[in-house]
N, C-alpha and C. Protein backbone atom coordinates (compact mmCIF):
# COMPACT_ATOMS: atom_id res chain seq x y z
N UNK A 1 -5.41 1.82 25.94
CA UNK A 1 -4.04 1.56 25.56
C UNK A 1 -3.12 2.59 26.34
N UNK A 2 -1.98 2.10 26.78
CA UNK A 2 -1.01 2.95 27.46
C UNK A 2 -0.17 3.60 26.40
N UNK A 3 -0.06 4.93 26.42
CA UNK A 3 0.72 5.65 25.42
C UNK A 3 1.84 6.48 26.04
N UNK A 4 1.84 6.67 27.36
CA UNK A 4 2.84 7.53 27.99
C UNK A 4 2.84 7.18 29.49
N UNK A 5 4.04 7.17 30.05
CA UNK A 5 4.21 6.89 31.46
C UNK A 5 5.26 7.83 32.09
N UNK A 6 5.00 8.26 33.31
CA UNK A 6 6.04 9.01 34.05
C UNK A 6 6.07 8.47 35.46
N UNK A 7 7.26 8.13 35.90
CA UNK A 7 7.37 7.56 37.24
C UNK A 7 8.82 7.51 37.69
N UNK A 8 9.05 6.67 38.69
CA UNK A 8 10.38 6.55 39.28
C UNK A 8 11.08 5.31 38.72
N UNK A 9 12.28 5.50 38.24
CA UNK A 9 13.09 4.34 37.74
C UNK A 9 13.48 3.49 38.93
N UNK A 10 13.00 2.27 38.98
CA UNK A 10 13.21 1.39 40.16
C UNK A 10 14.25 0.28 39.93
N UNK A 11 14.22 -0.36 38.73
CA UNK A 11 15.02 -1.54 38.56
C UNK A 11 15.38 -1.77 37.12
N UNK A 12 16.49 -1.24 36.61
CA UNK A 12 16.95 -1.55 35.25
C UNK A 12 17.43 -3.02 35.19
N UNK A 13 17.16 -3.67 34.12
CA UNK A 13 17.53 -5.09 34.01
C UNK A 13 17.95 -5.46 32.60
N UNK A 14 18.75 -6.49 32.50
CA UNK A 14 19.12 -7.05 31.23
C UNK A 14 18.95 -8.56 31.30
N UNK A 15 18.41 -9.13 30.24
CA UNK A 15 18.20 -10.57 30.13
C UNK A 15 18.53 -11.04 28.72
N UNK A 16 19.62 -11.73 28.58
CA UNK A 16 20.14 -12.09 27.28
C UNK A 16 20.40 -10.80 26.51
N UNK A 17 19.74 -10.63 25.37
CA UNK A 17 19.96 -9.43 24.55
C UNK A 17 18.86 -8.35 24.84
N UNK A 18 17.98 -8.64 25.76
CA UNK A 18 16.88 -7.71 26.03
C UNK A 18 17.21 -6.80 27.19
N UNK A 19 16.78 -5.57 27.09
CA UNK A 19 17.03 -4.58 28.12
C UNK A 19 15.65 -3.95 28.55
N UNK A 20 15.57 -3.68 29.81
CA UNK A 20 14.31 -3.09 30.27
C UNK A 20 14.43 -2.47 31.62
N UNK A 21 13.35 -2.09 32.19
CA UNK A 21 13.33 -1.40 33.49
C UNK A 21 11.95 -1.56 34.12
N UNK A 22 11.91 -1.30 35.43
CA UNK A 22 10.68 -1.22 36.17
C UNK A 22 10.42 0.23 36.48
N UNK A 23 9.27 0.70 36.05
CA UNK A 23 8.93 2.09 36.26
C UNK A 23 7.73 2.17 37.26
N UNK A 24 8.03 2.81 38.41
CA UNK A 24 7.02 2.87 39.48
C UNK A 24 6.18 4.13 39.26
N UNK A 25 4.86 3.94 39.07
CA UNK A 25 3.94 5.04 38.80
C UNK A 25 2.79 4.95 39.86
N UNK A 26 2.86 5.78 40.82
CA UNK A 26 1.81 5.86 41.89
C UNK A 26 1.51 4.49 42.45
N UNK A 27 2.55 3.80 42.87
CA UNK A 27 2.39 2.52 43.54
C UNK A 27 2.22 1.35 42.60
N UNK A 28 2.26 1.51 41.29
CA UNK A 28 2.15 0.48 40.33
C UNK A 28 3.45 0.33 39.54
N UNK A 29 3.99 -0.80 39.42
CA UNK A 29 5.27 -1.01 38.69
C UNK A 29 5.02 -1.54 37.27
N UNK A 30 5.48 -0.78 36.32
CA UNK A 30 5.28 -1.20 34.90
C UNK A 30 6.66 -1.70 34.38
N UNK A 31 6.65 -2.95 33.84
CA UNK A 31 7.85 -3.43 33.27
C UNK A 31 7.90 -3.02 31.80
N UNK A 32 8.97 -2.31 31.40
CA UNK A 32 9.05 -1.74 30.06
C UNK A 32 10.34 -2.14 29.42
N UNK A 33 10.28 -2.62 28.17
CA UNK A 33 11.45 -2.92 27.39
C UNK A 33 11.94 -1.69 26.66
N UNK A 34 13.25 -1.51 26.60
CA UNK A 34 13.85 -0.37 25.87
C UNK A 34 15.00 -0.87 25.02
N UNK A 35 15.49 0.00 24.07
CA UNK A 35 16.62 -0.37 23.30
C UNK A 35 17.92 -0.36 24.12
N UNK A 36 18.91 -1.03 23.62
CA UNK A 36 20.18 -1.06 24.41
C UNK A 36 20.79 0.35 24.46
N UNK A 37 20.62 1.17 23.42
CA UNK A 37 21.16 2.53 23.46
C UNK A 37 20.43 3.32 24.63
N UNK A 38 19.18 3.19 24.68
CA UNK A 38 18.44 3.94 25.74
C UNK A 38 18.74 3.41 27.09
N UNK A 39 18.89 2.07 27.24
CA UNK A 39 19.22 1.47 28.51
C UNK A 39 20.56 2.01 29.08
N UNK A 40 21.54 2.16 28.15
CA UNK A 40 22.83 2.64 28.60
C UNK A 40 22.78 4.13 29.02
N UNK A 41 21.77 4.85 28.62
CA UNK A 41 21.65 6.28 28.91
C UNK A 41 20.68 6.57 30.05
N UNK A 42 20.20 5.49 30.74
CA UNK A 42 19.24 5.69 31.83
C UNK A 42 19.85 6.48 33.00
N UNK A 43 19.09 7.31 33.65
CA UNK A 43 19.58 8.03 34.81
C UNK A 43 19.69 7.08 35.99
N UNK A 44 20.15 7.56 37.11
CA UNK A 44 20.30 6.75 38.33
C UNK A 44 18.96 6.25 38.81
N UNK A 45 19.00 5.08 39.50
CA UNK A 45 17.75 4.57 40.10
C UNK A 45 17.16 5.62 41.09
N UNK A 46 15.83 5.73 41.07
CA UNK A 46 15.20 6.70 41.91
C UNK A 46 14.89 7.99 41.15
N UNK A 47 15.48 8.15 39.98
CA UNK A 47 15.22 9.36 39.16
C UNK A 47 13.84 9.27 38.56
N UNK A 48 13.25 10.43 38.19
CA UNK A 48 12.01 10.51 37.51
C UNK A 48 12.26 10.27 36.04
N UNK A 49 11.48 9.44 35.45
CA UNK A 49 11.69 9.06 34.03
C UNK A 49 10.35 9.16 33.28
N UNK A 50 10.39 9.75 32.11
CA UNK A 50 9.18 9.81 31.25
C UNK A 50 9.43 9.06 29.94
N UNK A 51 8.49 8.19 29.61
CA UNK A 51 8.63 7.36 28.42
C UNK A 51 7.34 7.42 27.57
N UNK A 52 7.53 7.49 26.24
CA UNK A 52 6.45 7.26 25.33
C UNK A 52 6.32 5.75 25.08
N UNK A 53 5.13 5.24 25.16
CA UNK A 53 4.95 3.78 25.23
C UNK A 53 4.24 3.22 23.97
N UNK A 54 4.77 2.11 23.52
CA UNK A 54 4.03 1.29 22.53
C UNK A 54 3.60 0.05 23.27
N UNK A 55 2.29 -0.21 23.27
CA UNK A 55 1.77 -1.39 23.96
C UNK A 55 1.37 -2.44 22.98
N UNK A 56 2.00 -3.62 23.08
CA UNK A 56 1.73 -4.72 22.20
C UNK A 56 0.86 -5.74 22.97
N UNK A 57 -0.28 -6.09 22.40
CA UNK A 57 -1.20 -7.02 23.05
C UNK A 57 -1.24 -8.34 22.29
N UNK A 58 -0.96 -9.39 23.00
CA UNK A 58 -0.93 -10.74 22.41
C UNK A 58 -1.73 -11.69 23.33
N UNK A 59 -2.01 -12.85 22.81
CA UNK A 59 -2.81 -13.79 23.59
C UNK A 59 -2.13 -14.19 24.89
N UNK A 60 -0.75 -14.18 24.88
CA UNK A 60 -0.06 -14.59 26.11
C UNK A 60 0.31 -13.44 27.01
N UNK A 61 -0.15 -12.25 26.70
CA UNK A 61 0.11 -11.14 27.61
C UNK A 61 0.35 -9.82 26.87
N UNK A 62 0.60 -8.80 27.65
CA UNK A 62 0.86 -7.43 27.12
C UNK A 62 2.32 -7.15 27.35
N UNK A 63 2.97 -6.45 26.39
CA UNK A 63 4.35 -6.01 26.50
C UNK A 63 4.40 -4.53 26.23
N UNK A 64 5.13 -3.82 27.06
CA UNK A 64 5.32 -2.37 26.90
C UNK A 64 6.74 -2.09 26.43
N UNK A 65 6.86 -1.25 25.40
CA UNK A 65 8.11 -0.80 24.85
C UNK A 65 8.21 0.72 25.05
N UNK A 66 9.32 1.19 25.63
CA UNK A 66 9.44 2.58 26.00
C UNK A 66 10.46 3.31 25.17
N UNK A 67 10.19 4.62 24.96
CA UNK A 67 11.07 5.49 24.13
C UNK A 67 11.09 6.88 24.75
N UNK A 68 12.25 7.48 24.73
CA UNK A 68 12.38 8.83 25.27
C UNK A 68 11.71 9.86 24.43
N UNK A 69 11.57 9.64 23.14
CA UNK A 69 10.99 10.62 22.22
C UNK A 69 9.82 9.95 21.47
N UNK A 70 8.84 10.78 21.18
CA UNK A 70 7.66 10.27 20.45
C UNK A 70 8.06 9.83 19.06
N UNK A 71 8.98 10.60 18.38
CA UNK A 71 9.38 10.26 17.04
C UNK A 71 10.07 8.85 16.99
N UNK A 72 10.80 8.53 18.04
CA UNK A 72 11.42 7.20 18.05
C UNK A 72 10.37 6.11 18.20
N UNK A 73 9.33 6.34 19.02
CA UNK A 73 8.24 5.38 19.14
C UNK A 73 7.52 5.25 17.81
N UNK A 74 7.33 6.33 17.09
CA UNK A 74 6.62 6.24 15.82
C UNK A 74 7.45 5.51 14.79
N UNK A 75 8.77 5.68 14.80
CA UNK A 75 9.65 4.93 13.91
C UNK A 75 9.61 3.43 14.23
N UNK A 76 9.57 3.09 15.52
CA UNK A 76 9.49 1.72 15.97
C UNK A 76 8.26 1.08 15.39
N UNK A 77 7.12 1.85 15.38
CA UNK A 77 5.85 1.31 14.88
C UNK A 77 5.93 1.10 13.37
N UNK A 78 6.66 1.96 12.67
CA UNK A 78 6.86 1.74 11.21
C UNK A 78 7.68 0.51 10.97
N UNK A 79 8.67 0.25 11.81
CA UNK A 79 9.54 -0.90 11.58
C UNK A 79 8.81 -2.24 11.81
N UNK A 80 8.02 -2.29 12.90
CA UNK A 80 7.34 -3.55 13.16
C UNK A 80 6.20 -3.82 12.23
N UNK A 81 5.80 -2.83 11.46
CA UNK A 81 4.76 -3.06 10.43
C UNK A 81 5.31 -3.77 9.23
N UNK A 82 6.63 -3.87 9.07
CA UNK A 82 7.26 -4.53 7.96
C UNK A 82 7.28 -6.03 8.22
N UNK A 83 6.90 -6.79 7.24
CA UNK A 83 6.86 -8.26 7.32
C UNK A 83 8.25 -8.78 7.70
N UNK A 84 8.26 -9.63 8.74
CA UNK A 84 9.51 -10.24 9.16
C UNK A 84 10.30 -9.46 10.19
N UNK A 85 9.81 -8.23 10.55
CA UNK A 85 10.48 -7.43 11.54
C UNK A 85 9.64 -7.38 12.80
N UNK A 86 10.12 -8.04 13.83
CA UNK A 86 9.41 -8.06 15.12
C UNK A 86 9.96 -7.00 16.06
N UNK A 87 9.36 -6.92 17.24
CA UNK A 87 9.74 -5.90 18.21
C UNK A 87 11.26 -5.96 18.59
N UNK A 88 11.79 -7.16 18.76
CA UNK A 88 13.17 -7.25 19.19
C UNK A 88 14.12 -6.82 18.12
N UNK A 89 13.81 -7.10 16.85
CA UNK A 89 14.64 -6.64 15.77
C UNK A 89 14.55 -5.12 15.62
N UNK A 90 13.34 -4.58 15.79
CA UNK A 90 13.16 -3.10 15.73
C UNK A 90 13.96 -2.47 16.83
N UNK A 91 13.91 -3.01 18.05
CA UNK A 91 14.73 -2.43 19.13
C UNK A 91 16.19 -2.57 18.84
N UNK A 92 16.58 -3.68 18.18
CA UNK A 92 17.99 -3.83 17.84
C UNK A 92 18.43 -2.76 16.83
N UNK A 93 17.61 -2.42 15.87
CA UNK A 93 17.94 -1.38 14.97
C UNK A 93 18.07 -0.04 15.65
N UNK A 94 17.13 0.26 16.55
CA UNK A 94 17.15 1.52 17.25
C UNK A 94 18.27 1.58 18.29
N UNK A 95 18.71 0.40 18.72
CA UNK A 95 19.87 0.35 19.68
C UNK A 95 21.20 0.51 18.97
N UNK A 96 21.22 0.07 17.68
CA UNK A 96 22.46 0.10 16.92
C UNK A 96 22.67 1.50 16.29
N UNK A 97 21.58 2.11 15.82
CA UNK A 97 21.64 3.33 15.07
C UNK A 97 20.78 4.36 15.71
N UNK A 98 21.22 5.64 15.75
CA UNK A 98 20.39 6.71 16.23
C UNK A 98 19.22 6.91 15.25
N UNK A 99 18.11 7.52 15.71
CA UNK A 99 16.94 7.61 14.90
C UNK A 99 17.16 8.23 13.53
N UNK A 100 17.88 9.39 13.51
CA UNK A 100 18.13 10.06 12.25
C UNK A 100 19.02 9.23 11.37
N UNK A 101 19.96 8.52 11.94
CA UNK A 101 20.87 7.71 11.17
C UNK A 101 20.15 6.51 10.57
N UNK A 102 19.21 5.93 11.35
CA UNK A 102 18.42 4.82 10.85
C UNK A 102 17.52 5.22 9.74
N UNK A 103 16.79 6.34 9.86
CA UNK A 103 15.94 6.81 8.82
C UNK A 103 16.74 7.07 7.55
N UNK A 104 17.87 7.71 7.69
CA UNK A 104 18.73 8.00 6.52
C UNK A 104 19.19 6.71 5.83
N UNK A 105 19.52 5.72 6.64
CA UNK A 105 19.97 4.44 6.08
C UNK A 105 18.90 3.78 5.26
N UNK A 106 17.67 3.88 5.75
CA UNK A 106 16.54 3.26 5.00
C UNK A 106 16.22 4.04 3.76
N UNK A 107 16.16 5.36 3.86
CA UNK A 107 15.88 6.18 2.70
C UNK A 107 16.93 6.04 1.63
N UNK A 108 18.16 5.92 2.05
CA UNK A 108 19.29 5.87 1.05
C UNK A 108 19.69 4.43 0.71
N UNK A 109 18.87 3.45 1.20
CA UNK A 109 19.11 2.02 0.90
C UNK A 109 20.54 1.64 1.30
N UNK A 110 21.02 2.05 2.43
CA UNK A 110 22.33 1.72 2.92
C UNK A 110 22.26 0.33 3.62
N UNK A 111 22.32 -0.72 2.81
CA UNK A 111 22.17 -2.08 3.33
C UNK A 111 23.29 -2.42 4.30
N UNK A 112 24.49 -1.97 4.01
CA UNK A 112 25.66 -2.29 4.88
C UNK A 112 25.43 -1.79 6.31
N UNK A 113 24.90 -0.57 6.42
CA UNK A 113 24.64 0.02 7.70
C UNK A 113 23.48 -0.70 8.43
N UNK A 114 22.44 -1.00 7.68
CA UNK A 114 21.31 -1.65 8.28
C UNK A 114 21.64 -3.04 8.82
N UNK A 115 22.54 -3.73 8.10
CA UNK A 115 22.91 -5.12 8.47
C UNK A 115 23.81 -5.14 9.72
N UNK A 116 24.23 -3.97 10.21
CA UNK A 116 24.98 -3.95 11.42
C UNK A 116 24.17 -4.22 12.67
N UNK A 117 22.88 -4.07 12.56
CA UNK A 117 21.97 -4.35 13.67
C UNK A 117 21.84 -5.80 13.87
N UNK A 118 21.73 -6.27 15.15
CA UNK A 118 21.67 -7.71 15.40
C UNK A 118 20.44 -8.36 14.80
N UNK A 119 20.65 -9.46 14.11
CA UNK A 119 19.54 -10.23 13.50
C UNK A 119 19.09 -9.75 12.13
N UNK A 120 19.63 -8.62 11.65
CA UNK A 120 19.20 -8.06 10.40
C UNK A 120 20.11 -8.57 9.26
N UNK A 121 19.55 -9.41 8.41
CA UNK A 121 20.31 -9.84 7.22
C UNK A 121 20.05 -8.99 6.02
N UNK A 122 20.66 -9.34 4.90
CA UNK A 122 20.55 -8.52 3.69
C UNK A 122 19.12 -8.50 3.17
N UNK A 123 18.43 -9.62 3.18
CA UNK A 123 17.05 -9.61 2.68
C UNK A 123 16.15 -8.77 3.54
N UNK A 124 16.32 -8.84 4.85
CA UNK A 124 15.50 -7.98 5.74
C UNK A 124 15.79 -6.51 5.50
N UNK A 125 17.07 -6.19 5.32
CA UNK A 125 17.46 -4.82 5.07
C UNK A 125 16.84 -4.33 3.75
N UNK A 126 16.84 -5.15 2.72
CA UNK A 126 16.21 -4.80 1.45
C UNK A 126 14.75 -4.53 1.63
N UNK A 127 14.09 -5.42 2.42
CA UNK A 127 12.61 -5.31 2.62
C UNK A 127 12.31 -3.97 3.34
N UNK A 128 13.12 -3.63 4.29
CA UNK A 128 12.96 -2.37 5.02
C UNK A 128 13.06 -1.17 4.04
N UNK A 129 14.05 -1.20 3.17
CA UNK A 129 14.25 -0.14 2.21
C UNK A 129 13.09 -0.06 1.20
N UNK A 130 12.67 -1.21 0.68
CA UNK A 130 11.64 -1.23 -0.34
C UNK A 130 10.26 -0.75 0.23
N UNK A 131 9.94 -1.22 1.47
CA UNK A 131 8.62 -0.89 2.02
C UNK A 131 8.58 0.44 2.72
N UNK A 132 9.71 0.95 3.25
CA UNK A 132 9.60 2.17 4.08
C UNK A 132 10.28 3.37 3.51
N UNK A 133 11.14 3.25 2.53
CA UNK A 133 11.94 4.41 2.12
C UNK A 133 11.11 5.60 1.64
N UNK A 134 10.08 5.29 0.85
CA UNK A 134 9.25 6.37 0.31
C UNK A 134 8.46 7.03 1.46
N UNK A 135 7.86 6.20 2.34
CA UNK A 135 7.04 6.72 3.43
C UNK A 135 7.88 7.53 4.42
N UNK A 136 9.10 7.03 4.73
CA UNK A 136 9.94 7.76 5.71
C UNK A 136 10.47 9.03 5.07
N UNK A 137 10.80 9.01 3.76
CA UNK A 137 11.25 10.20 3.12
C UNK A 137 10.21 11.30 3.18
N UNK A 138 8.92 10.91 2.96
CA UNK A 138 7.87 11.88 2.96
C UNK A 138 7.60 12.38 4.42
N UNK A 139 7.64 11.46 5.34
CA UNK A 139 7.33 11.82 6.72
C UNK A 139 8.36 12.64 7.41
N UNK A 140 9.62 12.34 7.13
CA UNK A 140 10.68 13.06 7.81
C UNK A 140 11.32 14.14 6.96
N UNK A 141 10.85 14.23 5.69
CA UNK A 141 11.26 15.30 4.83
C UNK A 141 12.75 15.19 4.43
N UNK A 142 13.24 13.95 4.26
CA UNK A 142 14.63 13.75 3.91
C UNK A 142 14.75 13.63 2.42
N UNK A 143 15.84 14.18 1.86
CA UNK A 143 16.14 14.04 0.47
C UNK A 143 16.84 12.72 0.22
N UNK A 144 16.59 12.11 -0.90
CA UNK A 144 17.28 10.91 -1.25
C UNK A 144 18.77 11.22 -1.54
N UNK A 145 19.69 10.35 -1.07
CA UNK A 145 21.07 10.58 -1.29
C UNK A 145 21.47 10.19 -2.72
N UNK A 146 22.69 10.55 -3.05
CA UNK A 146 23.15 10.29 -4.43
C UNK A 146 23.17 8.82 -4.74
N UNK A 147 23.33 7.99 -3.69
CA UNK A 147 23.46 6.55 -3.94
C UNK A 147 22.12 5.86 -3.84
N UNK A 148 21.04 6.58 -3.55
CA UNK A 148 19.74 5.94 -3.40
C UNK A 148 19.23 5.48 -4.77
N UNK A 149 18.40 4.46 -4.73
CA UNK A 149 17.87 3.91 -5.98
C UNK A 149 16.55 4.58 -6.28
N UNK A 150 16.56 5.65 -7.09
CA UNK A 150 15.38 6.39 -7.43
C UNK A 150 14.41 5.52 -8.24
N UNK A 151 14.91 4.51 -8.93
CA UNK A 151 14.05 3.63 -9.71
C UNK A 151 13.01 2.89 -8.81
N UNK A 152 13.35 2.70 -7.52
CA UNK A 152 12.44 1.98 -6.64
C UNK A 152 11.20 2.77 -6.38
N UNK A 153 11.19 4.05 -6.67
CA UNK A 153 10.00 4.87 -6.42
C UNK A 153 9.20 5.10 -7.69
N UNK A 154 9.73 4.71 -8.83
CA UNK A 154 9.03 4.99 -10.11
C UNK A 154 7.90 3.99 -10.32
N UNK A 155 6.81 4.40 -10.94
CA UNK A 155 5.70 3.49 -11.15
C UNK A 155 6.06 2.41 -12.23
N UNK A 156 5.45 1.23 -12.08
CA UNK A 156 5.64 0.22 -13.06
C UNK A 156 4.68 0.45 -14.23
N UNK A 157 4.91 -0.29 -15.28
CA UNK A 157 4.05 -0.17 -16.46
C UNK A 157 2.62 -0.61 -16.07
N UNK A 158 1.58 0.15 -16.49
CA UNK A 158 0.22 -0.29 -16.20
C UNK A 158 -0.12 -1.58 -16.92
N UNK A 159 0.70 -1.98 -17.89
CA UNK A 159 0.46 -3.25 -18.58
C UNK A 159 0.79 -4.48 -17.76
N UNK A 160 1.56 -4.29 -16.67
CA UNK A 160 2.01 -5.38 -15.84
C UNK A 160 0.98 -5.54 -14.71
N UNK A 161 0.14 -6.57 -14.82
CA UNK A 161 -0.90 -6.81 -13.83
C UNK A 161 -0.31 -7.33 -12.54
N UNK A 162 -1.06 -7.28 -11.46
CA UNK A 162 -0.56 -7.74 -10.17
C UNK A 162 -0.20 -9.21 -10.25
N UNK A 163 -1.05 -10.02 -10.96
CA UNK A 163 -0.74 -11.45 -11.07
C UNK A 163 0.56 -11.70 -11.83
N UNK A 164 0.77 -10.96 -12.90
CA UNK A 164 2.04 -11.11 -13.71
C UNK A 164 3.21 -10.67 -12.85
N UNK A 165 3.05 -9.53 -12.10
CA UNK A 165 4.18 -9.06 -11.28
C UNK A 165 4.53 -10.06 -10.21
N UNK A 166 3.52 -10.64 -9.56
CA UNK A 166 3.80 -11.68 -8.52
C UNK A 166 4.55 -12.86 -9.14
N UNK A 167 4.10 -13.31 -10.30
CA UNK A 167 4.71 -14.46 -10.95
C UNK A 167 6.19 -14.15 -11.32
N UNK A 168 6.42 -12.92 -11.82
CA UNK A 168 7.83 -12.55 -12.19
C UNK A 168 8.67 -12.50 -10.96
N UNK A 169 8.17 -11.88 -9.91
CA UNK A 169 8.98 -11.68 -8.73
C UNK A 169 9.30 -13.06 -8.06
N UNK A 170 8.27 -13.93 -8.02
CA UNK A 170 8.54 -15.24 -7.44
C UNK A 170 9.53 -16.07 -8.25
N UNK A 171 9.42 -15.99 -9.60
CA UNK A 171 10.34 -16.75 -10.43
C UNK A 171 11.74 -16.23 -10.30
N UNK A 172 11.96 -14.94 -10.27
CA UNK A 172 13.26 -14.37 -10.14
C UNK A 172 13.85 -14.64 -8.77
N UNK A 173 13.03 -14.59 -7.72
CA UNK A 173 13.48 -14.89 -6.36
C UNK A 173 13.91 -16.32 -6.28
N UNK A 174 13.22 -17.24 -6.93
CA UNK A 174 13.55 -18.65 -6.92
C UNK A 174 14.88 -18.89 -7.62
N UNK A 175 15.22 -18.01 -8.54
CA UNK A 175 16.51 -18.11 -9.24
C UNK A 175 17.69 -17.51 -8.44
N UNK A 176 17.36 -16.96 -7.27
CA UNK A 176 18.43 -16.45 -6.38
C UNK A 176 18.57 -14.95 -6.39
N UNK A 177 17.74 -14.23 -7.13
CA UNK A 177 17.89 -12.77 -7.15
C UNK A 177 17.27 -12.15 -5.92
N UNK A 178 17.82 -11.03 -5.42
CA UNK A 178 17.38 -10.42 -4.19
C UNK A 178 16.27 -9.36 -4.52
N UNK A 179 15.63 -8.89 -3.47
CA UNK A 179 14.48 -8.02 -3.66
C UNK A 179 14.78 -6.78 -4.41
N UNK A 180 15.87 -6.03 -4.05
CA UNK A 180 16.14 -4.82 -4.78
C UNK A 180 16.62 -5.06 -6.21
N UNK A 181 17.31 -6.18 -6.47
CA UNK A 181 17.68 -6.50 -7.84
C UNK A 181 16.43 -6.70 -8.68
N UNK A 182 15.46 -7.38 -8.15
CA UNK A 182 14.24 -7.63 -8.87
C UNK A 182 13.47 -6.36 -9.15
N UNK A 183 13.40 -5.47 -8.17
CA UNK A 183 12.66 -4.23 -8.35
C UNK A 183 13.36 -3.34 -9.39
N UNK A 184 14.71 -3.32 -9.36
CA UNK A 184 15.41 -2.50 -10.33
C UNK A 184 15.19 -3.08 -11.77
N UNK A 185 15.23 -4.40 -11.88
CA UNK A 185 15.01 -4.98 -13.18
C UNK A 185 13.60 -4.69 -13.71
N UNK A 186 12.63 -4.79 -12.84
CA UNK A 186 11.26 -4.51 -13.28
C UNK A 186 11.08 -3.06 -13.70
N UNK A 187 11.74 -2.09 -13.01
CA UNK A 187 11.64 -0.69 -13.45
C UNK A 187 12.29 -0.48 -14.82
N UNK A 188 13.48 -1.11 -14.97
CA UNK A 188 14.21 -0.92 -16.21
C UNK A 188 13.43 -1.52 -17.40
N UNK A 189 12.89 -2.72 -17.14
CA UNK A 189 12.18 -3.38 -18.25
C UNK A 189 10.86 -2.66 -18.52
N UNK A 190 10.25 -2.08 -17.50
CA UNK A 190 8.99 -1.30 -17.71
C UNK A 190 9.22 -0.13 -18.68
N UNK A 191 10.37 0.54 -18.50
CA UNK A 191 10.70 1.64 -19.40
C UNK A 191 10.92 1.11 -20.83
N UNK A 192 11.59 -0.06 -20.91
CA UNK A 192 11.88 -0.67 -22.19
C UNK A 192 10.60 -1.06 -22.93
N UNK A 193 9.63 -1.64 -22.15
CA UNK A 193 8.38 -2.04 -22.74
C UNK A 193 7.52 -0.85 -23.22
N UNK A 194 7.56 0.26 -22.44
CA UNK A 194 6.82 1.47 -22.79
C UNK A 194 7.40 2.05 -24.06
N UNK A 195 8.75 2.03 -24.19
CA UNK A 195 9.42 2.61 -25.36
C UNK A 195 9.10 1.81 -26.65
N UNK A 196 9.01 0.48 -26.44
CA UNK A 196 8.80 -0.37 -27.62
C UNK A 196 7.42 -0.16 -28.24
N UNK A 197 6.40 0.14 -27.39
CA UNK A 197 5.07 0.37 -27.91
C UNK A 197 4.41 -0.82 -28.51
N UNK A 198 4.80 -2.02 -28.05
CA UNK A 198 4.26 -3.27 -28.61
C UNK A 198 2.99 -3.61 -27.84
N UNK A 199 2.38 -4.73 -28.22
CA UNK A 199 1.20 -5.24 -27.52
C UNK A 199 1.66 -5.70 -26.10
N UNK A 200 0.78 -5.70 -25.14
CA UNK A 200 1.13 -6.02 -23.78
C UNK A 200 1.83 -7.38 -23.66
N UNK A 201 2.88 -7.38 -22.83
CA UNK A 201 3.66 -8.59 -22.64
C UNK A 201 2.93 -9.51 -21.69
N UNK A 202 3.28 -10.80 -21.75
CA UNK A 202 2.81 -11.75 -20.77
C UNK A 202 3.97 -11.96 -19.72
N UNK A 203 3.69 -12.76 -18.71
CA UNK A 203 4.67 -12.91 -17.65
C UNK A 203 6.01 -13.46 -18.17
N UNK A 204 5.92 -14.39 -19.15
CA UNK A 204 7.18 -14.98 -19.65
C UNK A 204 8.02 -13.93 -20.33
N UNK A 205 7.40 -12.94 -21.01
CA UNK A 205 8.11 -11.89 -21.66
C UNK A 205 8.89 -11.04 -20.62
N UNK A 206 8.18 -10.72 -19.53
CA UNK A 206 8.81 -9.92 -18.44
C UNK A 206 9.97 -10.69 -17.84
N UNK A 207 9.78 -11.98 -17.58
CA UNK A 207 10.84 -12.79 -16.99
C UNK A 207 12.05 -12.78 -17.90
N UNK A 208 11.83 -13.05 -19.19
CA UNK A 208 12.95 -13.08 -20.13
C UNK A 208 13.68 -11.79 -20.21
N UNK A 209 12.99 -10.63 -20.27
CA UNK A 209 13.64 -9.35 -20.37
C UNK A 209 14.35 -8.97 -19.08
N UNK A 210 13.75 -9.32 -17.96
CA UNK A 210 14.36 -9.06 -16.67
C UNK A 210 15.68 -9.83 -16.52
N UNK A 211 15.64 -11.07 -16.94
CA UNK A 211 16.90 -11.89 -16.89
C UNK A 211 17.97 -11.32 -17.82
N UNK A 212 17.60 -10.80 -18.98
CA UNK A 212 18.56 -10.19 -19.88
C UNK A 212 19.18 -8.91 -19.24
N UNK A 213 18.31 -8.13 -18.59
CA UNK A 213 18.79 -6.91 -17.97
C UNK A 213 19.69 -7.23 -16.77
N UNK A 214 19.32 -8.22 -15.96
CA UNK A 214 20.18 -8.56 -14.82
C UNK A 214 21.52 -9.18 -15.28
N UNK A 215 21.49 -9.91 -16.37
CA UNK A 215 22.76 -10.52 -16.91
C UNK A 215 23.67 -9.41 -17.37
N UNK A 216 23.15 -8.37 -17.98
CA UNK A 216 23.97 -7.21 -18.43
C UNK A 216 24.59 -6.49 -17.24
N UNK A 217 23.84 -6.39 -16.11
CA UNK A 217 24.35 -5.71 -14.96
C UNK A 217 25.48 -6.49 -14.28
N UNK A 218 25.41 -7.83 -14.40
CA UNK A 218 26.40 -8.67 -13.78
C UNK A 218 27.67 -8.78 -14.64
N UNK A 219 27.59 -8.40 -15.94
CA UNK A 219 28.67 -8.55 -16.89
C UNK A 219 29.81 -7.54 -16.52
């Protein structure tokens, strides 16, 4: 696998919303895609350029994605590991927001800022926050902001089995509730169930109590 390249910048290019370059390394030209932010900061043609590389291998070919810093490449890899986030969307996020700004937006669940990136809707922004915020906080050592949803990191009740949780989440999603709303409701109801000390609830109990909690939040 290719992880790093150093060569001569030969041919920066743009095609639709994609940006890239041809990097000449000892007589071999590597075509590398980069974010729009990095493309705008490229040196003059003929300059020596060093890039950390993420190599994506698919049935129809190989694609190289280049980054000036290793940390930015590592963040790209975290982003594309999220369901529904492909390489172009990840490059769009890195092109719209600087690395530190992007990490902070995910950790602090700043959906408005995340949705500024091309192709990123509210549900995708929520998925990024739910799946990555804890891992990025630990990896980059960032503190959660005052507006961050600490409930999203709290454990659910051990009485809520995986099957029941999936059923509750699917039912609430079908009713139009968004990912973060559902997670907040589950955390709140888990505390309520633990305090009640009653026999374990079934899925219908969780759905009923989550709907009550969500209705109170909307009031």
